[in-house]
């Protein structure tokens, strides 16, 4: 999941396992969708410091739809 830093300062987003995601001003980063449940991430979303840019496409399992025909 892509997120964008909308502030003029670099951000350090705390992630599970003691990891962090560093995002420069105006830059983009990626986090797992389950990371959106972190209190710090929720707070940054609520005050507009970061915004969700998109969700990565899911990988298909098995045969592709075009191969099934």
PDB file of N, CA and C in Angstrom:
ATOM      1  N   UNK A   1       0.856  -1.158   0.000  1.00  0.00           N
ATOM      2  CA  UNK A   1       0.000   0.000   0.000  1.00  0.00           C
ATOM      3  C   UNK A   1       0.905   1.224   0.000  1.00  0.00           C
ATOM      4  N   UNK A   2       0.663   2.129  -0.928  1.00  0.00           N
ATOM      5  CA  UNK A   2       1.470   3.341  -1.043  1.00  0.00           C
ATOM      6  C   UNK A   2       0.900   4.437  -0.144  1.00  0.00           C
ATOM      7  N   UNK A   3       1.797   5.153   0.505  1.00  0.00           N
ATOM      8  CA  UNK A   3       1.407   6.306   1.310  1.00  0.00           C
ATOM      9  C   UNK A   3       2.280   7.488   0.899  1.00  0.00           C
ATOM     10  N   UNK A   4       1.740   8.696   1.036  1.00  0.00           N
ATOM     11  CA  UNK A   4       2.468   9.906   0.645  1.00  0.00           C
ATOM     12  C   UNK A   4       2.597  10.831   1.841  1.00  0.00           C
ATOM     13  N   UNK A   5       3.794  11.379   2.018  1.00  0.00           N
ATOM     14  CA  UNK A   5       4.066  12.371   3.050  1.00  0.00           C
ATOM     15  C   UNK A   5       3.637  13.732   2.516  1.00  0.00           C
ATOM     16  N   UNK A   6       2.627  14.335   3.129  1.00  0.00           N
ATOM     17  CA  UNK A   6       2.112  15.628   2.676  1.00  0.00           C
ATOM     18  C   UNK A   6       2.692  16.798   3.462  1.00  0.00           C
ATOM     19  N   UNK A   7       3.646  16.548   4.345  1.00  0.00           N
ATOM     20  CA  UNK A   7       4.237  17.604   5.154  1.00  0.00           C
ATOM     21  C   UNK A   7       5.515  18.119   4.505  1.00  0.00           C
ATOM     22  N   UNK A   8       6.095  19.144   5.110  1.00  0.00           N
ATOM     23  CA  UNK A   8       7.371  19.686   4.621  1.00  0.00           C
ATOM     24  C   UNK A   8       8.547  19.147   5.426  1.00  0.00           C
ATOM     25  N   UNK A   9       8.292  18.158   6.275  1.00  0.00           N
ATOM     26  CA  UNK A   9       9.340  17.544   7.087  1.00  0.00           C
ATOM     27  C   UNK A   9       9.390  16.046   6.820  1.00  0.00           C
ATOM     28  N   UNK A  10      10.561  15.434   6.975  1.00  0.00           N
ATOM     29  CA  UNK A  10      10.631  13.980   6.816  1.00  0.00           C
ATOM     30  C   UNK A  10       9.860  13.281   7.942  1.00  0.00           C
ATOM     31  N   UNK A  11       9.293  12.129   7.630  1.00  0.00           N
ATOM     32  CA  UNK A  11       8.539  11.363   8.623  1.00  0.00           C
ATOM     33  C   UNK A  11       9.189  10.017   8.859  1.00  0.00           C
ATOM     34  N   UNK A  12       9.091   9.558  10.095  1.00  0.00           N
ATOM     35  CA  UNK A  12       9.485   8.203  10.469  1.00  0.00           C
ATOM     36  C   UNK A  12       8.231   7.518  10.980  1.00  0.00           C
ATOM     37  N   UNK A  13       7.724   6.567  10.218  1.00  0.00           N
ATOM     38  CA  UNK A  13       6.519   5.855  10.612  1.00  0.00           C
ATOM     39  C   UNK A  13       6.899   4.585  11.350  1.00  0.00           C
ATOM     40  N   UNK A  14       6.440   4.433  12.597  1.00  0.00           N
ATOM     41  CA  UNK A  14       6.756   3.211  13.332  1.00  0.00           C
ATOM     42  C   UNK A  14       5.944   2.035  12.803  1.00  0.00           C
ATOM     43  N   UNK A  15       6.625   0.919  12.561  1.00  0.00           N
ATOM     44  CA  UNK A  15       5.974  -0.296  12.074  1.00  0.00           C
ATOM     45  C   UNK A  15       6.184  -1.420  13.078  1.00  0.00           C
ATOM     46  N   UNK A  16       5.468  -2.499  12.880  1.00  0.00           N
ATOM     47  CA  UNK A  16       5.588  -3.621  13.814  1.00  0.00           C
ATOM     48  C   UNK A  16       6.988  -4.233  13.742  1.00  0.00           C
ATOM     49  N   UNK A  17       7.372  -4.876  14.799  1.00  0.00           N
ATOM     50  CA  UNK A  17       8.685  -5.498  14.858  1.00  0.00           C
ATOM     51  C   UNK A  17       9.813  -4.504  15.064  1.00  0.00           C
ATOM     52  N   UNK A  18       9.497  -3.282  15.496  1.00  0.00           N
ATOM     53  CA  UNK A  18      10.523  -2.283  15.738  1.00  0.00           C
ATOM     54  C   UNK A  18      11.066  -1.635  14.477  1.00  0.00           C
ATOM     55  N   UNK A  19      10.434  -1.901  13.338  1.00  0.00           N
ATOM     56  CA  UNK A  19      10.894  -1.311  12.079  1.00  0.00           C
ATOM     57  C   UNK A  19      10.292   0.071  11.903  1.00  0.00           C
ATOM     58  N   UNK A  20      10.872   0.840  10.974  1.00  0.00           N
ATOM     59  CA  UNK A  20      10.370   2.179  10.671  1.00  0.00           C
ATOM     60  C   UNK A  20      10.399   2.393   9.162  1.00  0.00           C
ATOM     61  N   UNK A  21       9.478   3.212   8.688  1.00  0.00           N
ATOM     62  CA  UNK A  21       9.435   3.599   7.279  1.00  0.00           C
ATOM     63  C   UNK A  21       9.772   5.086   7.227  1.00  0.00           C
ATOM     64  N   UNK A  22      10.868   5.443   6.561  1.00  0.00           N
ATOM     65  CA  UNK A  22      11.299   6.834   6.439  1.00  0.00           C
ATOM     66  C   UNK A  22      10.782   7.390   5.117  1.00  0.00           C
ATOM     67  N   UNK A  23      10.096   8.548   5.184  1.00  0.00           N
ATOM     68  CA  UNK A  23       9.554   9.160   3.976  1.00  0.00           C
ATOM     69  C   UNK A  23       9.959  10.633   3.951  1.00  0.00           C
ATOM     70  N   UNK A  24      10.586  11.043   2.849  1.00  0.00           N
ATOM     71  CA  UNK A  24      11.021  12.436   2.686  1.00  0.00           C
ATOM     72  C   UNK A  24       9.805  13.324   2.420  1.00  0.00           C
ATOM     73  N   UNK A  25       9.933  14.650   2.587  1.00  0.00           N
ATOM     74  CA  UNK A  25       8.805  15.550   2.302  1.00  0.00           C
ATOM     75  C   UNK A  25       8.300  15.389   0.866  1.00  0.00           C
ATOM     76  N   UNK A  26       7.016  15.163   0.727  1.00  0.00           N
ATOM     77  CA  UNK A  26       6.421  14.975  -0.590  1.00  0.00           C
ATOM     78  C   UNK A  26       6.682  13.616  -1.199  1.00  0.00           C
ATOM     79  N   UNK A  27       7.407  12.762  -0.481  1.00  0.00           N
ATOM     80  CA  UNK A  27       7.771  11.453  -1.004  1.00  0.00           C
ATOM     81  C   UNK A  27       6.729  10.390  -0.718  1.00  0.00           C
ATOM     82  N   UNK A  28       6.962   9.215  -1.295  1.00  0.00           N
ATOM     83  CA  UNK A  28       6.058   8.087  -1.115  1.00  0.00           C
ATOM     84  C   UNK A  28       6.802   6.919  -0.492  1.00  0.00           C
ATOM     85  N   UNK A  29       6.059   6.089   0.195  1.00  0.00           N
ATOM     86  CA  UNK A  29       6.597   4.882   0.792  1.00  0.00           C
ATOM     87  C   UNK A  29       5.559   3.783   0.732  1.00  0.00           C
ATOM     88  N   UNK A  30       5.953   2.597   1.132  1.00  0.00           N
ATOM     89  CA  UNK A  30       5.030   1.474   1.121  1.00  0.00           C
ATOM     90  C   UNK A  30       4.976   0.827   2.489  1.00  0.00           C
ATOM     91  N   UNK A  31       3.753   0.486   2.894  1.00  0.00           N
ATOM     92  CA  UNK A  31       3.542  -0.259   4.122  1.00  0.00           C
ATOM     93  C   UNK A  31       2.513  -1.343   3.841  1.00  0.00           C
ATOM     94  N   UNK A  32       2.479  -2.334   4.696  1.00  0.00           N
ATOM     95  CA  UNK A  32       1.483  -3.391   4.579  1.00  0.00           C
ATOM     96  C   UNK A  32       0.124  -2.859   5.028  1.00  0.00           C
ATOM     97  N   UNK A  33      -0.964  -3.338   4.436  1.00  0.00           N
ATOM     98  CA  UNK A  33      -2.296  -2.861   4.829  1.00  0.00           C
ATOM     99  C   UNK A  33      -2.589  -3.024   6.323  1.00  0.00           C
ATOM    100  N   UNK A  34      -2.058  -4.074   6.947  1.00  0.00           N
ATOM    101  CA  UNK A  34      -2.325  -4.261   8.381  1.00  0.00           C
ATOM    102  C   UNK A  34      -1.634  -3.205   9.244  1.00  0.00           C
ATOM    103  N   UNK A  35      -0.655  -2.491   8.681  1.00  0.00           N
ATOM    104  CA  UNK A  35       0.035  -1.440   9.421  1.00  0.00           C
ATOM    105  C   UNK A  35      -0.860  -0.225   9.652  1.00  0.00           C
ATOM    106  N   UNK A  36      -1.952  -0.109   8.887  1.00  0.00           N
ATOM    107  CA  UNK A  36      -2.875   1.013   9.062  1.00  0.00           C
ATOM    108  C   UNK A  36      -3.563   0.981  10.415  1.00  0.00           C
ATOM    109  N   UNK A  37      -3.494  -0.148  11.105  1.00  0.00           N
ATOM    110  CA  UNK A  37      -4.110  -0.275  12.425  1.00  0.00           C
ATOM    111  C   UNK A  37      -3.221   0.264  13.548  1.00  0.00           C
ATOM    112  N   UNK A  38      -1.966   0.595  13.228  1.00  0.00           N
ATOM    113  CA  UNK A  38      -1.051   1.147  14.228  1.00  0.00           C
ATOM    114  C   UNK A  38      -1.559   2.517  14.689  1.00  0.00           C
ATOM    115  N   UNK A  39      -1.562   2.795  15.996  1.00  0.00           N
ATOM    116  CA  UNK A  39      -2.071   4.082  16.497  1.00  0.00           C
ATOM    117  C   UNK A  39      -1.364   5.296  15.894  1.00  0.00           C
ATOM    118  N   UNK A  40      -0.059   5.226  15.713  1.00  0.00           N
ATOM    119  CA  UNK A  40       0.685   6.368  15.161  1.00  0.00           C
ATOM    120  C   UNK A  40       0.291   6.624  13.706  1.00  0.00           C
ATOM    121  N   UNK A  41       0.078   5.573  12.944  1.00  0.00           N
ATOM    122  CA  UNK A  41      -0.328   5.712  11.544  1.00  0.00           C
ATOM    123  C   UNK A  41      -1.737   6.307  11.474  1.00  0.00           C
ATOM    124  N   UNK A  42      -2.632   5.825  12.336  1.00  0.00           N
ATOM    125  CA  UNK A  42      -3.995   6.355  12.383  1.00  0.00           C
ATOM    126  C   UNK A  42      -3.989   7.848  12.702  1.00  0.00           C
ATOM    127  N   UNK A  43      -3.131   8.264  13.632  1.00  0.00           N
ATOM    128  CA  UNK A  43      -3.053   9.673  14.018  1.00  0.00           C
ATOM    129  C   UNK A  43      -2.557  10.531  12.851  1.00  0.00           C
ATOM    130  N   UNK A  44      -1.553  10.054  12.118  1.00  0.00           N
ATOM    131  CA  UNK A  44      -1.032  10.808  10.979  1.00  0.00           C
ATOM    132  C   UNK A  44      -2.056  10.905   9.843  1.00  0.00           C
ATOM    133  N   UNK A  45      -2.841   9.843   9.658  1.00  0.00           N
ATOM    134  CA  UNK A  45      -3.912   9.884   8.664  1.00  0.00           C
ATOM    135  C   UNK A  45      -4.989  10.887   9.058  1.00  0.00           C
ATOM    136  N   UNK A  46      -5.334  10.890  10.355  1.00  0.00           N
ATOM    137  CA  UNK A  46      -6.396  11.773  10.847  1.00  0.00           C
ATOM    138  C   UNK A  46      -6.024  13.248  10.725  1.00  0.00           C
ATOM    139  N   UNK A  47      -4.755  13.585  10.983  1.00  0.00           N
ATOM    140  CA  UNK A  47      -4.385  15.006  10.904  1.00  0.00           C
ATOM    141  C   UNK A  47      -3.925  15.436   9.507  1.00  0.00           C
ATOM    142  N   UNK A  48      -3.940  14.511   8.537  1.00  0.00           N
ATOM    143  CA  UNK A  48      -3.629  14.864   7.152  1.00  0.00           C
ATOM    144  C   UNK A  48      -2.154  14.885   6.809  1.00  0.00           C
ATOM    145  N   UNK A  49      -1.296  14.395   7.690  1.00  0.00           N
ATOM    146  CA  UNK A  49       0.141  14.381   7.411  1.00  0.00           C
ATOM    147  C   UNK A  49       0.499  13.376   6.318  1.00  0.00           C
ATOM    148  N   UNK A  50      -0.246  12.277   6.264  1.00  0.00           N
ATOM    149  CA  UNK A  50      -0.026  11.271   5.221  1.00  0.00           C
ATOM    150  C   UNK A  50      -1.365  10.955   4.568  1.00  0.00           C
ATOM    151  N   UNK A  51      -1.293  10.453   3.346  1.00  0.00           N
ATOM    152  CA  UNK A  51      -2.512  10.002   2.673  1.00  0.00           C
ATOM    153  C   UNK A  51      -2.229   8.689   1.956  1.00  0.00           C
ATOM    154  N   UNK A  52      -3.269   7.894   1.816  1.00  0.00           N
ATOM    155  CA  UNK A  52      -3.167   6.614   1.130  1.00  0.00           C
ATOM    156  C   UNK A  52      -3.243   6.888  -0.371  1.00  0.00           C
ATOM    157  N   UNK A  53      -2.258   6.397  -1.115  1.00  0.00           N
ATOM    158  CA  UNK A  53      -2.197   6.630  -2.557  1.00  0.00           C
ATOM    159  C   UNK A  53      -2.807   5.483  -3.354  1.00  0.00           C
ATOM    160  N   UNK A  54      -2.686   4.284  -2.887  1.00  0.00           N
ATOM    161  CA  UNK A  54      -3.228   3.170  -3.662  1.00  0.00           C
ATOM    162  C   UNK A  54      -2.952   1.843  -2.996  1.00  0.00           C
ATOM    163  N   UNK A  55      -3.629   0.855  -3.509  1.00  0.00           N
ATOM    164  CA  UNK A  55      -3.477  -0.499  -2.999  1.00  0.00           C
ATOM    165  C   UNK A  55      -2.819  -1.319  -4.100  1.00  0.00           C
ATOM    166  N   UNK A  56      -1.760  -2.059  -3.775  1.00  0.00           N
ATOM    167  CA  UNK A  56      -1.101  -2.852  -4.808  1.00  0.00           C
ATOM    168  C   UNK A  56      -2.025  -3.953  -5.316  1.00  0.00           C
ATOM    169  N   UNK A  57      -1.900  -4.347  -6.581  1.00  0.00           N
ATOM    170  CA  UNK A  57      -2.759  -5.418  -7.105  1.00  0.00           C
ATOM    171  C   UNK A  57      -2.449  -6.738  -6.425  1.00  0.00           C
ATOM    172  N   UNK A  58      -3.501  -7.521  -6.218  1.00  0.00           N
ATOM    173  CA  UNK A  58      -3.310  -8.834  -5.600  1.00  0.00           C
ATOM    174  C   UNK A  58      -2.790  -9.818  -6.636  1.00  0.00           C
ATOM    175  N   UNK A  59      -1.966 -10.727  -6.176  1.00  0.00           N
ATOM    176  CA  UNK A  59      -1.458 -11.759  -7.065  1.00  0.00           C
ATOM    177  C   UNK A  59      -2.537 -12.829  -7.231  1.00  0.00           C
ATOM    178  N   UNK A  60      -2.703 -13.293  -8.458  1.00  0.00           N
ATOM    179  CA  UNK A  60      -3.675 -14.347  -8.713  1.00  0.00           C
ATOM    180  C   UNK A  60      -3.035 -15.685  -8.414  1.00  0.00           C
ATOM    181  N   UNK A  61      -3.838 -16.554  -7.856  1.00  0.00           N
ATOM    182  CA  UNK A  61      -3.354 -17.909  -7.606  1.00  0.00           C
ATOM    183  C   UNK A  61      -3.912 -18.839  -8.670  1.00  0.00           C
ATOM    184  N   UNK A  62      -3.137 -19.796  -9.039  1.00  0.00           N
ATOM    185  CA  UNK A  62      -3.596 -20.747 -10.045  1.00  0.00           C
ATOM    186  C   UNK A  62      -3.498 -20.168 -11.439  1.00  0.00           C
ATOM    187  N   UNK A  63      -4.388 -20.629 -12.297  1.00  0.00           N
ATOM    188  CA  UNK A  63      -4.386 -20.182 -13.686  1.00  0.00           C
ATOM    189  C   UNK A  63      -4.977 -18.800 -13.813  1.00  0.00           C
ATOM    190  N   UNK A  64      -4.498 -18.037 -14.756  1.00  0.00           N
ATOM    191  CA  UNK A  64      -5.047 -16.717 -15.034  1.00  0.00           C
ATOM    192  C   UNK A  64      -6.419 -16.876 -15.687  1.00  0.00           C
ATOM    193  N   UNK A  65      -7.247 -15.859 -15.615  1.00  0.00           N
ATOM    194  CA  UNK A  65      -8.598 -15.929 -16.169  1.00  0.00           C
ATOM    195  C   UNK A  65      -8.579 -16.225 -17.665  1.00  0.00           C
ATOM    196  N   UNK A  66      -7.580 -15.720 -18.381  1.00  0.00           N
ATOM    197  CA  UNK A  66      -7.514 -15.944 -19.827  1.00  0.00           C
ATOM    198  C   UNK A  66      -7.153 -17.392 -20.153  1.00  0.00           C
ATOM    199  N   UNK A  67      -6.490 -18.084 -19.259  1.00  0.00           N
ATOM    200  CA  UNK A  67      -6.102 -19.468 -19.494  1.00  0.00           C
ATOM    201  C   UNK A  67      -7.222 -20.441 -19.207  1.00  0.00           C
ATOM    202  N   UNK A  68      -8.248 -20.025 -18.435  1.00  0.00           N
ATOM    203  CA  UNK A  68      -9.324 -20.919 -18.050  1.00  0.00           C
ATOM    204  C   UNK A  68     -10.283 -21.198 -19.196  1.00  0.00           C
ATOM    205  N   UNK A  69     -10.346 -20.344 -20.198  1.00  0.00           N
ATOM    206  CA  UNK A  69     -11.303 -20.512 -21.304  1.00  0.00           C
ATOM    207  C   UNK A  69     -10.896 -21.608 -22.246  1.00  0.00           C
TER     208      UNK A  69
END
